[in-house]
Amino acid sequence: MAPLPDGFSYAEWNATYNALSFGIAAMGSATIFFWLQLPNVTKSYRTALTITGIVTLIATYHYIRIFNSWSEAFTVASKDGGDYAVQLTGAPFNDGYRYVDWLLTVPLLLIELILVMKLPQAETVSLSWKLGLASALMVALGYPGEIQEDLAVRWFWWCLSMIPFCYVVFTLAVGLAEATSKQPSPAAASLASAARYLTVLSWCTYPFVYMVKSVGLAGPAATMYEQVGYSLADVLAKAVFGVLIWAIAAEKSAVEESGKLLPN
């Protein structure tokens, strides 16, 4: 929890306000959709789809907390119908909710992808542990730098967090390629590949947003870019990724029910 800089313009405050509102709407809508779709997939894939809904539910809760904290940190008023003036209230803005959210949801994101690919049980367990622990370590190493103003310290923790980050990204991009090619239909293989690469793409957004305050940007503009960037990346990594998980589950369920693939 770091103090907010003073001097926000209404445009900077409003951009962050809208990004956080969008995060709540996207995550909440996705949660309802995923859980409504549970009866429409076979039993084999309901765990993955349930976890998908849990991820977006956790994200919805934390986005509400971040949104409320942002709203409470400012007063926004217009005098005599003129331009809106934005002032700090003195209440702290707690962006730590975002890291709590990531610590819970990032490992689950990877686990749901592994589950929906329906790998052999031993491989599923092994990958779930390895990727889950690596992703949690990545988030934990990133937080100490996020709350620091010293650029050298921020870069130090960024470099440390990139070690497990690179391991996870390499596993998604290369390590799961063979498993993707063994999916029961071309459509399922294409969707699984898209889910892997969407995860890689959305994840690569986070290190760059993290570096916003380390490349010369500061003050309200840096805070705005950081909040908007993280919010958009979260929607891609959770809600949009979840739609792909549902699509994979639906496609593979259809194949199994048509008799083209015998259930394990």
C-alpha atoms as a PDB file:
ATOM      1  CA  MET A   1       0.000   0.000   0.000  1.00  0.00           C
ATOM      2  CA  ALA A   2       1.820   3.112  -1.271  1.00  0.00           C
ATOM      3  CA  PRO A   3       0.596   6.709  -0.957  1.00  0.00           C
ATOM      4  CA  LEU A   4      -1.012   8.107  -4.091  1.00  0.00           C
ATOM      5  CA  PRO A   5       0.601  11.088  -5.793  1.00  0.00           C
ATOM      6  CA  ASP A   6      -1.326  14.342  -5.777  1.00  0.00           C
ATOM      7  CA  GLY A   7      -2.366  16.247  -8.878  1.00  0.00           C
ATOM      8  CA  PHE A   8      -4.658  13.783 -10.677  1.00  0.00           C
ATOM      9  CA  SER A   9      -6.621  15.277 -13.554  1.00  0.00           C
ATOM     10  CA  TYR A  10     -10.222  14.212 -13.996  1.00  0.00           C
ATOM     11  CA  ALA A  11      -9.265  12.318 -17.177  1.00  0.00           C
ATOM     12  CA  GLU A  12      -6.597  10.295 -15.317  1.00  0.00           C
ATOM     13  CA  TRP A  13      -8.897   9.545 -12.406  1.00  0.00           C
ATOM     14  CA  ASN A  14     -11.789   8.640 -14.708  1.00  0.00           C
ATOM     15  CA  ALA A  15      -9.698   6.333 -16.911  1.00  0.00           C
ATOM     16  CA  THR A  16      -8.745   4.284 -13.862  1.00  0.00           C
ATOM     17  CA  TYR A  17     -12.315   4.396 -12.519  1.00  0.00           C
ATOM     18  CA  ASN A  18     -13.660   3.057 -15.820  1.00  0.00           C
ATOM     19  CA  ALA A  19     -10.965   0.375 -16.106  1.00  0.00           C
ATOM     20  CA  LEU A  20     -11.782  -0.953 -12.641  1.00  0.00           C
ATOM     21  CA  SER A  21     -15.528  -0.815 -13.414  1.00  0.00           C
ATOM     22  CA  PHE A  22     -14.891  -2.767 -16.613  1.00  0.00           C
ATOM     23  CA  GLY A  23     -12.936  -5.344 -14.614  1.00  0.00           C
ATOM     24  CA  ILE A  24     -15.867  -5.873 -12.238  1.00  0.00           C
ATOM     25  CA  ALA A  25     -18.391  -6.186 -15.080  1.00  0.00           C
ATOM     26  CA  ALA A  26     -16.242  -8.524 -17.183  1.00  0.00           C
ATOM     27  CA  MET A  27     -15.266 -10.836 -14.323  1.00  0.00           C
ATOM     28  CA  GLY A  28     -18.754 -10.930 -12.831  1.00  0.00           C
ATOM     29  CA  SER A  29     -20.442 -11.652 -16.175  1.00  0.00           C
ATOM     30  CA  ALA A  30     -17.883 -14.334 -16.980  1.00  0.00           C
ATOM     31  CA  THR A  31     -18.487 -16.067 -13.634  1.00  0.00           C
ATOM     32  CA  ILE A  32     -22.231 -16.312 -14.272  1.00  0.00           C
ATOM     33  CA  PHE A  33     -21.667 -17.577 -17.820  1.00  0.00           C
ATOM     34  CA  PHE A  34     -19.163 -20.281 -16.830  1.00  0.00           C
ATOM     35  CA  TRP A  35     -21.316 -21.704 -14.071  1.00  0.00           C
ATOM     36  CA  LEU A  36     -24.443 -21.666 -16.239  1.00  0.00           C
ATOM     37  CA  GLN A  37     -22.523 -23.739 -18.789  1.00  0.00           C
ATOM     38  CA  LEU A  38     -21.598 -26.502 -16.329  1.00  0.00           C
ATOM     39  CA  PRO A  39     -24.545 -28.787 -17.260  1.00  0.00           C
ATOM     40  CA  ASN A  40     -23.620 -28.440 -20.946  1.00  0.00           C
ATOM     41  CA  VAL A  41     -20.218 -30.162 -20.678  1.00  0.00           C
ATOM     42  CA  THR A  42     -19.468 -33.732 -19.734  1.00  0.00           C
ATOM     43  CA  LYS A  43     -18.417 -34.684 -16.221  1.00  0.00           C
ATOM     44  CA  SER A  44     -14.752 -34.927 -17.239  1.00  0.00           C
ATOM     45  CA  TYR A  45     -14.534 -31.171 -17.818  1.00  0.00           C
ATOM     46  CA  ARG A  46     -16.773 -29.768 -15.112  1.00  0.00           C
ATOM     47  CA  THR A  47     -13.907 -29.426 -12.644  1.00  0.00           C
ATOM     48  CA  ALA A  48     -11.959 -27.260 -15.098  1.00  0.00           C
ATOM     49  CA  LEU A  49     -15.012 -25.109 -15.823  1.00  0.00           C
ATOM     50  CA  THR A  50     -15.823 -24.819 -12.110  1.00  0.00           C
ATOM     51  CA  ILE A  51     -12.285 -23.622 -11.412  1.00  0.00           C
ATOM     52  CA  THR A  52     -12.645 -21.127 -14.276  1.00  0.00           C
ATOM     53  CA  GLY A  53     -15.702 -19.675 -12.550  1.00  0.00           C
ATOM     54  CA  ILE A  54     -13.911 -19.615  -9.196  1.00  0.00           C
ATOM     55  CA  VAL A  55     -11.039 -17.649 -10.768  1.00  0.00           C
ATOM     56  CA  THR A  56     -13.354 -14.961 -12.143  1.00  0.00           C
ATOM     57  CA  LEU A  57     -15.387 -14.910  -8.913  1.00  0.00           C
ATOM     58  CA  ILE A  58     -12.236 -14.253  -6.864  1.00  0.00           C
ATOM     59  CA  ALA A  59     -11.230 -11.584  -9.380  1.00  0.00           C
ATOM     60  CA  THR A  60     -14.678  -9.961  -9.176  1.00  0.00           C
ATOM     61  CA  TYR A  61     -14.419  -9.710  -5.392  1.00  0.00           C
ATOM     62  CA  HIS A  62     -10.961  -8.167  -5.493  1.00  0.00           C
ATOM     63  CA  TYR A  63     -11.881  -5.749  -8.259  1.00  0.00           C
ATOM     64  CA  ILE A  64     -14.781  -4.540  -6.145  1.00  0.00           C
ATOM     65  CA  ARG A  65     -12.366  -3.987  -3.249  1.00  0.00           C
ATOM     66  CA  ILE A  66      -9.862  -2.135  -5.482  1.00  0.00           C
ATOM     67  CA  PHE A  67     -12.666  -0.047  -7.010  1.00  0.00           C
ATOM     68  CA  ASN A  68     -14.020   0.906  -3.586  1.00  0.00           C
ATOM     69  CA  SER A  69     -10.539   1.767  -2.342  1.00  0.00           C
ATOM     70  CA  TRP A  70      -9.953   3.958  -5.409  1.00  0.00           C
ATOM     71  CA  SER A  71     -13.280   5.751  -4.949  1.00  0.00           C
ATOM     72  CA  GLU A  72     -12.644   6.373  -1.268  1.00  0.00           C
ATOM     73  CA  ALA A  73      -9.192   7.832  -1.948  1.00  0.00           C
ATOM     74  CA  PHE A  74     -10.600  10.790  -3.911  1.00  0.00           C
ATOM     75  CA  THR A  75     -13.283  13.424  -3.904  1.00  0.00           C
ATOM     76  CA  VAL A  76     -14.474  14.472  -7.350  1.00  0.00           C
ATOM     77  CA  ALA A  77     -16.608  17.604  -7.543  1.00  0.00           C
ATOM     78  CA  SER A  78     -17.631  20.250 -10.033  1.00  0.00           C
ATOM     79  CA  LYS A  79     -18.050  23.848  -8.904  1.00  0.00           C
ATOM     80  CA  ASP A  80     -20.817  25.839 -10.576  1.00  0.00           C
ATOM     81  CA  GLY A  81     -21.026  23.421 -13.495  1.00  0.00           C
ATOM     82  CA  GLY A  82     -17.334  23.834 -14.386  1.00  0.00           C
ATOM     83  CA  ASP A  83     -14.598  21.256 -14.823  1.00  0.00           C
ATOM     84  CA  TYR A  84     -14.365  18.439 -12.322  1.00  0.00           C
ATOM     85  CA  ALA A  85     -11.685  18.817  -9.670  1.00  0.00           C
ATOM     86  CA  VAL A  86     -10.017  15.719  -8.223  1.00  0.00           C
ATOM     87  CA  GLN A  87      -8.540  15.814  -4.726  1.00  0.00           C
ATOM     88  CA  LEU A  88      -7.082  13.196  -2.425  1.00  0.00           C
ATOM     89  CA  THR A  89      -9.134  12.441   0.682  1.00  0.00           C
ATOM     90  CA  GLY A  90      -6.171  11.087   2.641  1.00  0.00           C
ATOM     91  CA  ALA A  91      -7.615   7.565   2.633  1.00  0.00           C
ATOM     92  CA  PRO A  92      -4.998   5.065   1.401  1.00  0.00           C
ATOM     93  CA  PHE A  93      -5.450   3.284  -1.911  1.00  0.00           C
ATOM     94  CA  ASN A  94      -4.871  -0.408  -1.267  1.00  0.00           C
ATOM     95  CA  ASP A  95      -3.625  -1.990  -4.474  1.00  0.00           C
ATOM     96  CA  GLY A  96      -2.428  -4.977  -2.458  1.00  0.00           C
ATOM     97  CA  TYR A  97      -5.789  -6.604  -3.248  1.00  0.00           C
ATOM     98  CA  ARG A  98      -4.478  -7.122  -6.779  1.00  0.00           C
ATOM     99  CA  TYR A  99      -1.543  -9.217  -5.564  1.00  0.00           C
ATOM    100  CA  VAL A 100      -3.757 -11.255  -3.242  1.00  0.00           C
ATOM    101  CA  ASP A 101      -5.977 -11.921  -6.243  1.00  0.00           C
ATOM    102  CA  TRP A 102      -3.038 -12.989  -8.409  1.00  0.00           C
ATOM    103  CA  LEU A 103      -1.611 -15.235  -5.697  1.00  0.00           C
ATOM    104  CA  LEU A 104      -4.919 -17.137  -5.634  1.00  0.00           C
ATOM    105  CA  THR A 105      -5.975 -17.048  -9.279  1.00  0.00           C
ATOM    106  CA  VAL A 106      -2.773 -17.357 -11.310  1.00  0.00           C
ATOM    107  CA  PRO A 107      -2.000 -20.947 -10.187  1.00  0.00           C
ATOM    108  CA  LEU A 108      -5.664 -21.861 -10.737  1.00  0.00           C
ATOM    109  CA  LEU A 109      -5.547 -20.460 -14.279  1.00  0.00           C
ATOM    110  CA  LEU A 110      -2.763 -22.852 -15.177  1.00  0.00           C
ATOM    111  CA  ILE A 111      -4.408 -25.790 -13.418  1.00  0.00           C
ATOM    112  CA  GLU A 112      -7.680 -25.302 -15.313  1.00  0.00           C
ATOM    113  CA  LEU A 113      -5.788 -25.379 -18.622  1.00  0.00           C
ATOM    114  CA  ILE A 114      -4.010 -28.593 -17.644  1.00  0.00           C
ATOM    115  CA  LEU A 115      -7.288 -30.196 -16.518  1.00  0.00           C
ATOM    116  CA  VAL A 116      -9.189 -29.341 -19.679  1.00  0.00           C
ATOM    117  CA  MET A 117      -6.400 -30.834 -21.829  1.00  0.00           C
ATOM    118  CA  LYS A 118      -7.091 -34.177 -20.109  1.00  0.00           C
ATOM    119  CA  LEU A 119      -3.501 -35.366 -19.874  1.00  0.00           C
ATOM    120  CA  PRO A 120      -2.513 -38.629 -18.168  1.00  0.00           C
ATOM    121  CA  GLN A 121      -3.097 -38.386 -14.420  1.00  0.00           C
ATOM    122  CA  ALA A 122       0.581 -38.485 -13.412  1.00  0.00           C
ATOM    123  CA  GLU A 123       1.430 -35.726 -15.897  1.00  0.00           C
ATOM    124  CA  THR A 124      -1.567 -33.668 -14.789  1.00  0.00           C
ATOM    125  CA  VAL A 125      -0.523 -33.823 -11.131  1.00  0.00           C
ATOM    126  CA  SER A 126       3.132 -33.103 -11.891  1.00  0.00           C
ATOM    127  CA  LEU A 127       2.423 -30.121 -14.149  1.00  0.00           C
ATOM    128  CA  SER A 128      -0.188 -28.705 -11.777  1.00  0.00           C
ATOM    129  CA  TRP A 129       2.282 -28.672  -8.903  1.00  0.00           C
ATOM    130  CA  LYS A 130       5.212 -27.340 -10.928  1.00  0.00           C
ATOM    131  CA  LEU A 131       3.327 -24.580 -12.729  1.00  0.00           C
ATOM    132  CA  GLY A 132       1.169 -23.705  -9.728  1.00  0.00           C
ATOM    133  CA  LEU A 133       4.147 -23.251  -7.402  1.00  0.00           C
ATOM    134  CA  ALA A 134       6.210 -21.411 -10.021  1.00  0.00           C
ATOM    135  CA  SER A 135       3.404 -18.951 -10.747  1.00  0.00           C
ATOM    136  CA  ALA A 136       2.755 -18.326  -7.042  1.00  0.00           C
ATOM    137  CA  LEU A 137       6.481 -17.698  -6.520  1.00  0.00           C
ATOM    138  CA  MET A 138       6.453 -15.254  -9.438  1.00  0.00           C
ATOM    139  CA  VAL A 139       3.662 -13.196  -7.845  1.00  0.00           C
ATOM    140  CA  ALA A 140       5.236 -13.321  -4.391  1.00  0.00           C
ATOM    141  CA  LEU A 141       8.579 -12.070  -5.728  1.00  0.00           C
ATOM    142  CA  GLY A 142       6.937  -9.246  -7.653  1.00  0.00           C
ATOM    143  CA  TYR A 143       5.096  -7.674  -4.728  1.00  0.00           C
ATOM    144  CA  PRO A 144       8.095  -6.315  -2.746  1.00  0.00           C
ATOM    145  CA  GLY A 145       9.202  -4.348  -5.806  1.00  0.00           C
ATOM    146  CA  GLU A 146       5.708  -3.068  -6.543  1.00  0.00           C
ATOM    147  CA  ILE A 147       5.526  -1.191  -3.249  1.00  0.00           C
ATOM    148  CA  GLN A 148       9.002   0.359  -3.570  1.00  0.00           C
ATOM    149  CA  GLU A 149       9.800   3.798  -4.954  1.00  0.00           C
ATOM    150  CA  ASP A 150      13.518   3.037  -5.281  1.00  0.00           C
ATOM    151  CA  LEU A 151      14.030   2.065  -8.940  1.00  0.00           C
ATOM    152  CA  ALA A 152      17.019  -0.159  -8.221  1.00  0.00           C
ATOM    153  CA  VAL A 153      14.952  -2.170  -5.743  1.00  0.00           C
ATOM    154  CA  ARG A 154      12.056  -2.416  -8.199  1.00  0.00           C
ATOM    155  CA  TRP A 155      14.368  -3.750 -10.911  1.00  0.00           C
ATOM    156  CA  PHE A 156      15.920  -6.248  -8.493  1.00  0.00           C
ATOM    157  CA  TRP A 157      12.562  -7.826  -7.602  1.00  0.00           C
ATOM    158  CA  TRP A 158      11.404  -7.645 -11.226  1.00  0.00           C
ATOM    159  CA  CYS A 159      14.434  -9.698 -12.287  1.00  0.00           C
ATOM    160  CA  LEU A 160      13.830 -12.273  -9.562  1.00  0.00           C
ATOM    161  CA  SER A 161      10.145 -12.671 -10.466  1.00  0.00           C
ATOM    162  CA  MET A 162      11.069 -13.130 -14.125  1.00  0.00           C
ATOM    163  CA  ILE A 163      12.869 -16.416 -13.340  1.00  0.00           C
ATOM    164  CA  PRO A 164       9.706 -18.418 -12.513  1.00  0.00           C
ATOM    165  CA  PHE A 165       7.833 -16.328 -15.104  1.00  0.00           C
ATOM    166  CA  CYS A 166      10.133 -17.533 -17.901  1.00  0.00           C
ATOM    167  CA  TYR A 167       9.816 -21.142 -16.728  1.00  0.00           C
ATOM    168  CA  VAL A 168       6.009 -21.001 -16.880  1.00  0.00           C
ATOM    169  CA  VAL A 169       5.930 -19.236 -20.251  1.00  0.00           C
ATOM    170  CA  PHE A 170       8.419 -21.726 -21.734  1.00  0.00           C
ATOM    171  CA  THR A 171       6.345 -24.659 -20.471  1.00  0.00           C
ATOM    172  CA  LEU A 172       3.169 -23.209 -21.981  1.00  0.00           C
ATOM    173  CA  ALA A 173       4.735 -22.304 -25.314  1.00  0.00           C
ATOM    174  CA  VAL A 174       6.951 -25.359 -25.796  1.00  0.00           C
ATOM    175  CA  GLY A 175       6.366 -27.989 -23.124  1.00  0.00           C
ATOM    176  CA  LEU A 176       2.639 -28.437 -23.850  1.00  0.00           C
ATOM    177  CA  ALA A 177       2.946 -28.384 -27.642  1.00  0.00           C
ATOM    178  CA  GLU A 178       2.895 -32.184 -27.965  1.00  0.00           C
ATOM    179  CA  ALA A 179      -0.105 -32.533 -25.641  1.00  0.00           C
ATOM    180  CA  THR A 180      -1.964 -29.914 -27.693  1.00  0.00           C
ATOM    181  CA  SER A 181      -1.404 -31.864 -30.912  1.00  0.00           C
ATOM    182  CA  LYS A 182      -2.984 -34.962 -29.303  1.00  0.00           C
ATOM    183  CA  GLN A 183      -6.373 -33.336 -28.689  1.00  0.00           C
ATOM    184  CA  PRO A 184      -9.318 -35.370 -30.036  1.00  0.00           C
ATOM    185  CA  SER A 185     -10.296 -33.017 -32.862  1.00  0.00           C
ATOM    186  CA  PRO A 186      -8.672 -30.277 -34.947  1.00  0.00           C
ATOM    187  CA  ALA A 187     -11.017 -27.733 -33.374  1.00  0.00           C
ATOM    188  CA  ALA A 188     -10.050 -28.801 -29.849  1.00  0.00           C
ATOM    189  CA  ALA A 189      -6.343 -28.696 -30.735  1.00  0.00           C
ATOM    190  CA  SER A 190      -6.741 -25.222 -32.249  1.00  0.00           C
ATOM    191  CA  LEU A 191      -8.597 -23.949 -29.162  1.00  0.00           C
ATOM    192  CA  ALA A 192      -6.028 -25.471 -26.778  1.00  0.00           C
ATOM    193  CA  SER A 193      -3.239 -23.826 -28.755  1.00  0.00           C
ATOM    194  CA  ALA A 194      -5.084 -20.490 -28.664  1.00  0.00           C
ATOM    195  CA  ALA A 195      -5.532 -20.795 -24.883  1.00  0.00           C
ATOM    196  CA  ARG A 196      -1.815 -21.454 -24.401  1.00  0.00           C
ATOM    197  CA  TYR A 197      -0.731 -18.536 -26.525  1.00  0.00           C
ATOM    198  CA  LEU A 198      -3.338 -16.183 -25.075  1.00  0.00           C
ATOM    199  CA  THR A 199      -1.902 -16.977 -21.647  1.00  0.00           C
ATOM    200  CA  VAL A 200       1.618 -16.250 -22.889  1.00  0.00           C
ATOM    201  CA  LEU A 201       0.486 -13.012 -24.578  1.00  0.00           C
ATOM    202  CA  SER A 202      -1.507 -11.715 -21.620  1.00  0.00           C
ATOM    203  CA  TRP A 203       1.205 -12.706 -19.157  1.00  0.00           C
ATOM    204  CA  CYS A 204       3.835 -10.834 -21.146  1.00  0.00           C
ATOM    205  CA  THR A 205       1.785  -7.676 -20.607  1.00  0.00           C
ATOM    206  CA  TYR A 206       2.305  -7.741 -16.836  1.00  0.00           C
ATOM    207  CA  PRO A 207       6.113  -7.294 -16.751  1.00  0.00           C
ATOM    208  CA  PHE A 208       5.840  -4.278 -19.057  1.00  0.00           C
ATOM    209  CA  VAL A 209       3.109  -2.663 -16.949  1.00  0.00           C
ATOM    210  CA  TYR A 210       5.205  -3.403 -13.853  1.00  0.00           C
ATOM    211  CA  MET A 211       8.062  -1.430 -15.440  1.00  0.00           C
ATOM    212  CA  VAL A 212       5.951   1.699 -16.028  1.00  0.00           C
ATOM    213  CA  LYS A 213       7.319   3.337 -12.894  1.00  0.00           C
ATOM    214  CA  SER A 214      10.849   2.194 -13.716  1.00  0.00           C
ATOM    215  CA  VAL A 215      11.258   3.877 -17.108  1.00  0.00           C
ATOM    216  CA  GLY A 216      10.822   7.531 -16.242  1.00  0.00           C
ATOM    217  CA  LEU A 217       7.066   7.751 -15.762  1.00  0.00           C
ATOM    218  CA  ALA A 218       5.893   8.974 -12.376  1.00  0.00           C
ATOM    219  CA  GLY A 219       3.023  10.664 -10.616  1.00  0.00           C
ATOM    220  CA  PRO A 220      -0.645  10.364 -11.612  1.00  0.00           C
ATOM    221  CA  ALA A 221       0.089   9.328 -15.223  1.00  0.00           C
ATOM    222  CA  ALA A 222       2.169   6.326 -14.105  1.00  0.00           C
ATOM    223  CA  THR A 223      -0.532   5.249 -11.644  1.00  0.00           C
ATOM    224  CA  MET A 224      -3.209   5.528 -14.338  1.00  0.00           C
ATOM    225  CA  TYR A 225      -1.234   3.511 -16.909  1.00  0.00           C
ATOM    226  CA  GLU A 226      -0.464   0.874 -14.312  1.00  0.00           C
ATOM    227  CA  GLN A 227      -4.066   0.422 -13.189  1.00  0.00           C
ATOM    228  CA  VAL A 228      -5.514   0.463 -16.705  1.00  0.00           C
ATOM    229  CA  GLY A 229      -2.812  -1.899 -18.002  1.00  0.00           C
ATOM    230  CA  TYR A 230      -3.254  -4.414 -15.205  1.00  0.00           C
ATOM    231  CA  SER A 231      -7.051  -4.318 -15.542  1.00  0.00           C
ATOM    232  CA  LEU A 232      -7.013  -5.007 -19.286  1.00  0.00           C
ATOM    233  CA  ALA A 233      -4.424  -7.768 -18.877  1.00  0.00           C
ATOM    234  CA  ASP A 234      -6.533  -9.377 -16.133  1.00  0.00           C
ATOM    235  CA  VAL A 235      -9.631  -9.442 -18.327  1.00  0.00           C
ATOM    236  CA  LEU A 236      -7.656 -11.138 -21.106  1.00  0.00           C
ATOM    237  CA  ALA A 237      -5.919 -13.594 -18.762  1.00  0.00           C
ATOM    238  CA  LYS A 238      -9.068 -14.584 -16.830  1.00  0.00           C
ATOM    239  CA  ALA A 239     -12.361 -13.796 -18.559  1.00  0.00           C
ATOM    240  CA  VAL A 240     -11.282 -14.227 -22.193  1.00  0.00           C
ATOM    241  CA  PHE A 241      -9.031 -17.160 -21.318  1.00  0.00           C
ATOM    242  CA  GLY A 242     -11.956 -18.695 -19.443  1.00  0.00           C
ATOM    243  CA  VAL A 243     -14.121 -18.481 -22.559  1.00  0.00           C
ATOM    244  CA  LEU A 244     -11.474 -20.517 -24.396  1.00  0.00           C
ATOM    245  CA  ILE A 245     -11.460 -23.082 -21.579  1.00  0.00           C
ATOM    246  CA  TRP A 246     -15.246 -23.368 -21.908  1.00  0.00           C
ATOM    247  CA  ALA A 247     -14.958 -23.688 -25.702  1.00  0.00           C
ATOM    248  CA  ILE A 248     -12.389 -26.498 -25.352  1.00  0.00           C
ATOM    249  CA  ALA A 249     -14.594 -28.296 -22.805  1.00  0.00           C
ATOM    250  CA  ALA A 250     -17.671 -27.894 -25.014  1.00  0.00           C
ATOM    251  CA  GLU A 251     -15.869 -29.139 -28.142  1.00  0.00           C
ATOM    252  CA  LYS A 252     -14.360 -32.171 -26.418  1.00  0.00           C
ATOM    253  CA  SER A 253     -17.696 -32.966 -24.753  1.00  0.00           C
ATOM    254  CA  ALA A 254     -19.376 -32.933 -28.159  1.00  0.00           C
ATOM    255  CA  VAL A 255     -16.716 -35.272 -29.562  1.00  0.00           C
ATOM    256  CA  GLU A 256     -17.090 -37.691 -26.655  1.00  0.00           C
ATOM    257  CA  GLU A 257     -20.878 -37.691 -26.823  1.00  0.00           C
ATOM    258  CA  SER A 258     -20.822 -38.341 -30.562  1.00  0.00           C
ATOM    259  CA  GLY A 259     -18.834 -41.500 -29.921  1.00  0.00           C
ATOM    260  CA  LYS A 260     -15.695 -40.332 -31.701  1.00  0.00           C
ATOM    261  CA  LEU A 261     -13.704 -40.499 -28.494  1.00  0.00           C
ATOM    262  CA  LEU A 262     -14.124 -43.125 -25.814  1.00  0.00           C
ATOM    263  CA  PRO A 263     -14.121 -41.584 -22.288  1.00  0.00           C
ATOM    264  CA  ASN A 264     -11.232 -42.602 -20.081  1.00  0.00           C
END
